[in-house]
Amino acid sequence: MRFCQALLGAAPRDWPTIAAAAEAAGFDSVAVSDHVVYPSYLSSKYPYTPDGTPLFSPDEDWPDPWVAIGAMSSVTSTLRFLTNVYVLPLRNPFVVAKAVGTAAHLSDGRVGLGIGAGWMAEEFELLEQPFARRGARMDEMLEVLRGLWAGGMVEHHGEFYDFDPVEMRPAPPGPVPVYVGGHSPAAFRRAARLGDGWLGVHYPVDELVAHCRTLQQAREDAGTADRPFEIIASPLAAPAGDLLEQLAAEGVTTILTSAWMASGVNAPETAQAIELVGAFGERFVR
C-alpha cells in the first residue's frame, strides 16, 4: 500500500520543505487541491456536505497546482505529485496540456492528473467556460490532452474542439496517469472508461468498499477490467494493518491522508507539519 499526503492547510510557501519531509518519511506522493477564485457571493452548492456549504473559506490559500508542483519537484527525487482534484473543464485544453506536460517533463514523469467536473458555476462564468455539459467536454478534453502529450504532430476534430495538426513541446517522458474524482454514477463510468484510476476522499470504510465494488463492475461493463487501475482514497479510519489488507483486497492502491488533520490540526506551522508527517510515516507508512 502506498501513502499520499494532502497539503491542504499548510502554508504554500513551505510546501517544498514539507514535500521533502514526506519523501523522507516514506510517502509515495503528495496531493494539491485546486480552485482559481472564491466568489464573494456563492449560490452553487458544495456536493460533499449535507447543507451545501464548502469545507473551506475564502481566506484559505489555493496556489496554482502546477507552479507548486514545479517547486516541490526541484527539491525531491522520488516523490510523486497529483491534483486532488483539478477542475479540468474550467480550462482551455491547450493551457492544461502545456502546464501538466511541462511539470511532467521537469519532474521526470512524477506527475498524475486528478480531475473533477467541478461544482462552482460562478468560477466557470468568470473563466468564460460553459458550465453546461462540462462532463461531456471533459471526456473530449482527455482525448486532446493525451494526444498532445504523446509528442509529434496531432490533430483533433470533435464536438467541442477542432484543430489541424499541432505539436506541443516539451512532451512528458511517458503517459501522464489520469485519476477521475467524484462518486456519482457518471464519475464511476468515466473512471472506468477513460481513467487510469479513481480518486475519492473521506468515506467510511463500508462506503469506500462499496465504491470499490461499483468501480469494478463499471470496469467490467466498460471492458477495461484487464487494464491497470489505481484507487486513491481516504478511509475515515486509522490505516492499520487489518484495514490496509481489507482495502488492498478491494483494489485500493494508495491511502490519501493528512498527517496533521489526522492529529486534529487544520493549519500547522511548518515545524509542526514536518514533525507530524515524520510521526505518521513512522507509525503507518514504514
Protein backbone atom coordinates (compact mmCIF):
# COMPACT_ATOMS: atom_id res chain seq x y z
CA MET A 1 0.00 0.00 0.00
CA ARG A 2 1.24 3.48 -0.89
CA PHE A 3 0.51 6.71 1.00
CA CYS A 4 -0.21 10.21 -0.30
CA GLN A 5 -0.02 13.32 1.90
CA ALA A 6 -2.56 16.04 1.15
CA LEU A 7 -1.02 19.50 1.54
CA LEU A 8 -4.22 21.48 2.12
CA GLY A 9 -3.95 23.52 5.31
CA ALA A 10 -0.19 24.02 5.30
CA ALA A 11 1.30 27.32 4.14
CA PRO A 12 2.08 27.04 0.39
CA ARG A 13 5.42 28.81 0.85
CA ASP A 14 6.51 25.83 2.95
CA TRP A 15 5.23 23.08 0.65
CA PRO A 16 8.68 22.27 -0.82
CA THR A 17 10.09 21.74 2.68
CA ILE A 18 7.10 19.62 3.70
CA ALA A 19 7.26 17.64 0.45
CA ALA A 20 10.91 16.78 1.12
CA ALA A 21 9.92 15.65 4.62
CA ALA A 22 7.11 13.49 3.19
CA GLU A 23 9.56 11.85 0.81
CA ALA A 24 11.94 11.13 3.70
CA ALA A 25 9.06 9.69 5.75
CA GLY A 26 8.23 7.16 3.05
CA PHE A 27 5.22 8.77 1.43
CA ASP A 28 4.78 7.89 -2.24
CA SER A 29 3.19 11.21 -3.20
CA VAL A 30 1.66 14.50 -2.15
CA ALA A 31 -1.64 15.96 -3.34
CA VAL A 32 -2.56 19.57 -4.04
CA SER A 33 -6.08 20.96 -4.38
CA ASP A 34 -7.46 23.42 -6.90
CA HIS A 35 -9.63 26.49 -7.20
CA VAL A 36 -8.85 29.66 -9.12
CA VAL A 37 -11.06 32.12 -7.21
CA TYR A 38 -13.65 32.17 -4.44
CA PRO A 39 -16.57 34.50 -5.28
CA SER A 40 -17.91 36.82 -2.60
CA TYR A 41 -21.42 35.61 -3.50
CA LEU A 42 -21.78 31.87 -3.95
CA SER A 43 -25.09 30.28 -4.91
CA SER A 44 -23.62 26.94 -6.07
CA LYS A 45 -23.95 24.13 -3.54
CA TYR A 46 -20.91 22.16 -2.47
CA PRO A 47 -21.76 18.49 -3.20
CA TYR A 48 -19.89 16.92 -0.28
CA THR A 49 -21.69 18.44 2.72
CA PRO A 50 -25.34 17.97 3.75
CA ASP A 51 -26.19 21.67 3.58
CA GLY A 52 -24.04 22.52 0.54
CA THR A 53 -21.60 24.71 2.48
CA PRO A 54 -17.96 24.31 1.35
CA LEU A 55 -15.46 22.82 3.77
CA PHE A 56 -13.13 25.75 3.12
CA SER A 57 -13.35 29.52 3.41
CA PRO A 58 -12.36 32.47 1.17
CA ASP A 59 -9.28 33.24 3.29
CA GLU A 60 -7.58 29.91 2.54
CA ASP A 61 -4.71 29.80 0.05
CA TRP A 62 -5.17 28.00 -3.28
CA PRO A 63 -1.86 28.22 -5.15
CA ASP A 64 -1.64 27.20 -8.77
CA PRO A 65 -1.04 23.42 -8.62
CA TRP A 66 1.50 23.26 -11.43
CA VAL A 67 3.64 26.13 -10.17
CA ALA A 68 3.64 24.48 -6.73
CA ILE A 69 4.44 21.05 -8.17
CA GLY A 70 7.35 22.52 -10.14
CA ALA A 71 8.78 23.98 -6.96
CA MET A 72 8.36 20.76 -5.00
CA SER A 73 9.78 18.55 -7.73
CA SER A 74 13.02 20.54 -7.66
CA VAL A 75 13.76 19.54 -4.04
CA THR A 76 12.69 15.87 -4.27
CA SER A 77 13.79 12.91 -6.35
CA THR A 78 11.23 10.09 -5.96
CA LEU A 79 8.10 11.79 -4.62
CA ARG A 80 5.12 11.86 -6.98
CA PHE A 81 2.59 14.69 -7.30
CA LEU A 82 -1.12 14.65 -8.06
CA THR A 83 -4.07 17.02 -8.02
CA ASN A 84 -7.00 16.40 -5.72
CA VAL A 85 -8.75 17.45 -7.84
CA TYR A 86 -8.08 19.73 -10.79
CA VAL A 87 -11.26 21.22 -12.26
CA LEU A 88 -10.45 20.23 -15.82
CA PRO A 89 -13.38 21.68 -17.84
CA LEU A 90 -12.74 25.06 -16.20
CA ARG A 91 -9.72 25.47 -18.51
CA ASN A 92 -8.63 25.55 -22.11
CA PRO A 93 -7.15 22.11 -23.01
CA PHE A 94 -4.03 23.58 -24.64
CA VAL A 95 -3.18 25.55 -21.50
CA VAL A 96 -3.71 22.44 -19.35
CA ALA A 97 -1.63 20.26 -21.68
CA LYS A 98 1.23 22.76 -21.57
CA ALA A 99 1.22 23.17 -17.77
CA VAL A 100 0.87 19.47 -16.93
CA GLY A 101 3.22 18.36 -19.69
CA THR A 102 5.91 20.78 -18.56
CA ALA A 103 5.58 19.68 -14.92
CA ALA A 104 5.83 16.04 -16.00
CA HIS A 105 8.86 16.78 -18.18
CA LEU A 106 10.74 18.68 -15.48
CA SER A 107 9.94 16.12 -12.77
CA ASP A 108 10.89 13.15 -14.96
CA GLY A 109 7.35 11.83 -15.06
CA ARG A 110 6.42 12.19 -11.39
CA VAL A 111 3.03 13.79 -12.10
CA GLY A 112 -0.52 12.46 -12.04
CA LEU A 113 -3.61 14.43 -13.01
CA GLY A 114 -6.59 14.01 -10.68
CA ILE A 115 -9.63 15.59 -12.32
CA GLY A 116 -13.17 16.58 -11.47
CA ALA A 117 -16.05 18.13 -13.41
CA GLY A 118 -16.42 20.98 -10.93
CA TRP A 119 -19.39 22.30 -8.99
CA MET A 120 -18.88 26.08 -8.70
CA ALA A 121 -20.81 27.60 -11.61
CA GLU A 122 -19.59 31.09 -10.69
CA GLU A 123 -15.99 30.06 -11.27
CA PHE A 124 -16.81 28.73 -14.74
CA GLU A 125 -18.53 32.00 -15.63
CA LEU A 126 -15.54 34.05 -14.50
CA LEU A 127 -13.14 31.93 -16.58
CA GLU A 128 -15.51 32.10 -19.57
CA GLN A 129 -16.03 28.36 -19.84
CA PRO A 130 -19.51 26.83 -20.17
CA PHE A 131 -20.82 25.10 -17.05
CA ALA A 132 -23.42 23.12 -19.03
CA ARG A 133 -22.22 19.80 -20.47
CA ARG A 134 -18.90 20.13 -18.68
CA GLY A 135 -18.75 16.36 -18.21
CA ALA A 136 -19.01 15.61 -21.92
CA ARG A 137 -16.48 18.35 -22.63
CA MET A 138 -14.11 16.89 -20.05
CA ASP A 139 -14.27 13.49 -21.76
CA GLU A 140 -13.18 15.04 -25.04
CA MET A 141 -10.53 17.11 -23.30
CA LEU A 142 -8.86 13.91 -22.10
CA GLU A 143 -8.51 12.74 -25.68
CA VAL A 144 -6.99 16.09 -26.65
CA LEU A 145 -4.58 16.11 -23.70
CA ARG A 146 -3.31 12.60 -24.31
CA GLY A 147 -2.77 13.37 -27.97
CA LEU A 148 -0.76 16.50 -27.18
CA TRP A 149 1.28 14.72 -24.50
CA ALA A 150 2.24 11.89 -26.87
CA GLY A 151 4.61 14.16 -28.79
CA GLY A 152 4.71 14.80 -32.51
CA MET A 153 2.00 16.35 -34.64
CA VAL A 154 -1.57 15.69 -33.57
CA GLU A 155 -4.93 16.87 -34.86
CA HIS A 156 -8.40 16.59 -33.38
CA HIS A 157 -11.88 17.01 -34.84
CA GLY A 158 -14.59 16.63 -32.23
CA GLU A 159 -17.76 18.19 -30.93
CA PHE A 160 -16.10 20.74 -28.64
CA TYR A 161 -12.55 21.03 -30.01
CA ASP A 162 -11.45 21.08 -33.63
CA PHE A 163 -7.91 21.77 -34.79
CA ASP A 164 -5.47 20.82 -37.54
CA PRO A 165 -2.06 19.26 -36.77
CA VAL A 166 -0.06 20.92 -34.00
CA GLU A 167 2.84 19.83 -31.83
CA MET A 168 3.38 20.71 -28.17
CA ARG A 169 6.82 20.55 -26.59
CA PRO A 170 8.31 19.57 -24.24
CA ALA A 171 6.43 16.31 -24.10
CA PRO A 172 6.22 14.25 -20.91
CA PRO A 173 8.65 11.31 -20.74
CA GLY A 174 5.67 8.92 -20.69
CA PRO A 175 1.90 8.81 -20.31
CA VAL A 176 0.50 11.05 -17.57
CA PRO A 177 -1.89 8.97 -15.42
CA VAL A 178 -5.36 10.46 -15.05
CA TYR A 179 -7.41 9.84 -11.91
CA VAL A 180 -11.11 10.66 -12.01
CA GLY A 181 -12.65 12.09 -8.85
CA GLY A 182 -16.24 12.04 -7.65
CA HIS A 183 -18.70 9.37 -6.56
CA SER A 184 -21.62 9.95 -8.93
CA PRO A 185 -22.59 7.17 -11.38
CA ALA A 186 -21.20 9.34 -14.19
CA ALA A 187 -17.86 9.72 -12.38
CA PHE A 188 -17.55 5.96 -11.88
CA ARG A 189 -18.33 5.31 -15.54
CA ARG A 190 -15.83 7.96 -16.63
CA ALA A 191 -13.12 6.48 -14.41
CA ALA A 192 -13.79 3.01 -15.81
CA ARG A 193 -13.84 4.12 -19.45
CA LEU A 194 -11.22 6.83 -19.60
CA GLY A 195 -9.22 6.92 -16.38
CA ASP A 196 -6.09 5.26 -15.11
CA GLY A 197 -7.67 5.27 -11.67
CA TRP A 198 -10.23 6.77 -9.30
CA LEU A 199 -9.70 9.30 -6.54
CA GLY A 200 -12.08 9.53 -3.56
CA VAL A 201 -11.99 11.37 -0.24
CA HIS A 202 -13.45 10.98 3.26
CA TYR A 203 -15.53 7.81 3.14
CA PRO A 204 -16.47 5.45 5.96
CA VAL A 205 -14.84 2.11 5.31
CA ASP A 206 -18.06 0.33 4.33
CA GLU A 207 -18.94 3.09 1.87
CA LEU A 208 -15.45 3.04 0.37
CA VAL A 209 -15.63 -0.72 -0.09
CA ALA A 210 -18.98 -0.31 -1.84
CA HIS A 211 -17.46 2.30 -4.18
CA CYS A 212 -14.57 -0.03 -4.98
CA ARG A 213 -17.00 -2.76 -5.97
CA THR A 214 -19.06 -0.33 -8.04
CA LEU A 215 -15.88 0.65 -9.86
CA GLN A 216 -15.00 -2.97 -10.52
CA GLN A 217 -18.43 -3.56 -12.03
CA ALA A 218 -18.15 -0.38 -14.10
CA ARG A 219 -14.79 -1.54 -15.44
CA GLU A 220 -16.23 -4.93 -16.34
CA ASP A 221 -19.16 -3.24 -18.09
CA ALA A 222 -16.75 -0.97 -20.00
CA GLY A 223 -14.47 -3.85 -20.98
CA THR A 224 -11.48 -2.30 -19.19
CA ALA A 225 -11.18 -4.63 -16.18
CA ASP A 226 -7.95 -6.12 -17.54
CA ARG A 227 -6.15 -2.74 -17.60
CA PRO A 228 -4.04 -1.47 -14.68
CA PHE A 229 -6.16 0.72 -12.41
CA GLU A 230 -5.34 2.68 -9.26
CA ILE A 231 -7.69 3.58 -6.43
CA ILE A 232 -6.51 6.52 -4.32
CA ALA A 233 -8.83 7.02 -1.37
CA SER A 234 -9.28 8.40 2.14
CA PRO A 235 -10.93 5.96 4.56
CA LEU A 236 -12.31 7.53 7.72
CA ALA A 237 -10.29 5.17 9.90
CA ALA A 238 -6.70 4.76 11.01
CA PRO A 239 -4.71 2.96 8.29
CA ALA A 240 -3.74 -0.03 10.45
CA GLY A 241 -2.68 -3.45 9.18
CA ASP A 242 -6.02 -5.25 9.01
CA LEU A 243 -7.75 -2.32 7.33
CA LEU A 244 -4.97 -1.97 4.77
CA GLU A 245 -5.25 -5.65 3.90
CA GLN A 246 -9.02 -5.31 3.51
CA LEU A 247 -8.76 -2.26 1.28
CA ALA A 248 -5.95 -3.72 -0.80
CA ALA A 249 -8.16 -6.75 -1.47
CA GLU A 250 -10.84 -4.36 -2.77
CA GLY A 251 -8.38 -2.69 -5.15
CA VAL A 252 -7.19 0.32 -3.14
CA THR A 253 -3.60 1.14 -4.08
CA THR A 254 -2.95 4.40 -2.21
CA ILE A 255 -4.20 5.89 1.05
CA LEU A 256 -4.78 9.62 0.67
CA THR A 257 -4.36 11.19 4.10
CA SER A 258 -3.22 14.24 6.06
CA ALA A 259 -0.78 13.68 8.87
CA TRP A 260 -1.79 16.91 10.60
CA MET A 261 -5.55 16.62 10.12
CA ALA A 262 -5.37 13.07 11.44
CA SER A 263 -3.95 14.66 14.60
CA GLY A 264 -6.69 17.29 14.78
CA VAL A 265 -4.59 20.13 13.34
CA ASN A 266 -6.02 22.02 10.36
CA ALA A 267 -3.37 24.70 9.79
CA PRO A 268 0.03 23.57 11.09
CA GLU A 269 3.16 25.63 11.34
CA THR A 270 5.96 24.24 9.20
CA ALA A 271 7.89 22.63 12.04
CA GLN A 272 4.73 21.01 13.35
CA ALA A 273 3.76 19.75 9.89
CA ILE A 274 7.19 18.17 9.42
CA GLU A 275 7.03 16.56 12.85
CA LEU A 276 3.56 15.12 12.24
CA VAL A 277 4.49 13.86 8.78
CA GLY A 278 7.52 12.09 10.24
CA ALA A 279 5.49 10.57 13.08
CA PHE A 280 2.78 9.38 10.69
CA GLY A 281 5.40 7.82 8.44
CA GLU A 282 7.00 6.02 11.37
CA ARG A 283 3.67 4.72 12.68
CA PHE A 284 1.88 3.76 9.46
CA VAL A 285 3.98 4.07 6.31
CA ARG A 286 7.15 2.25 7.33
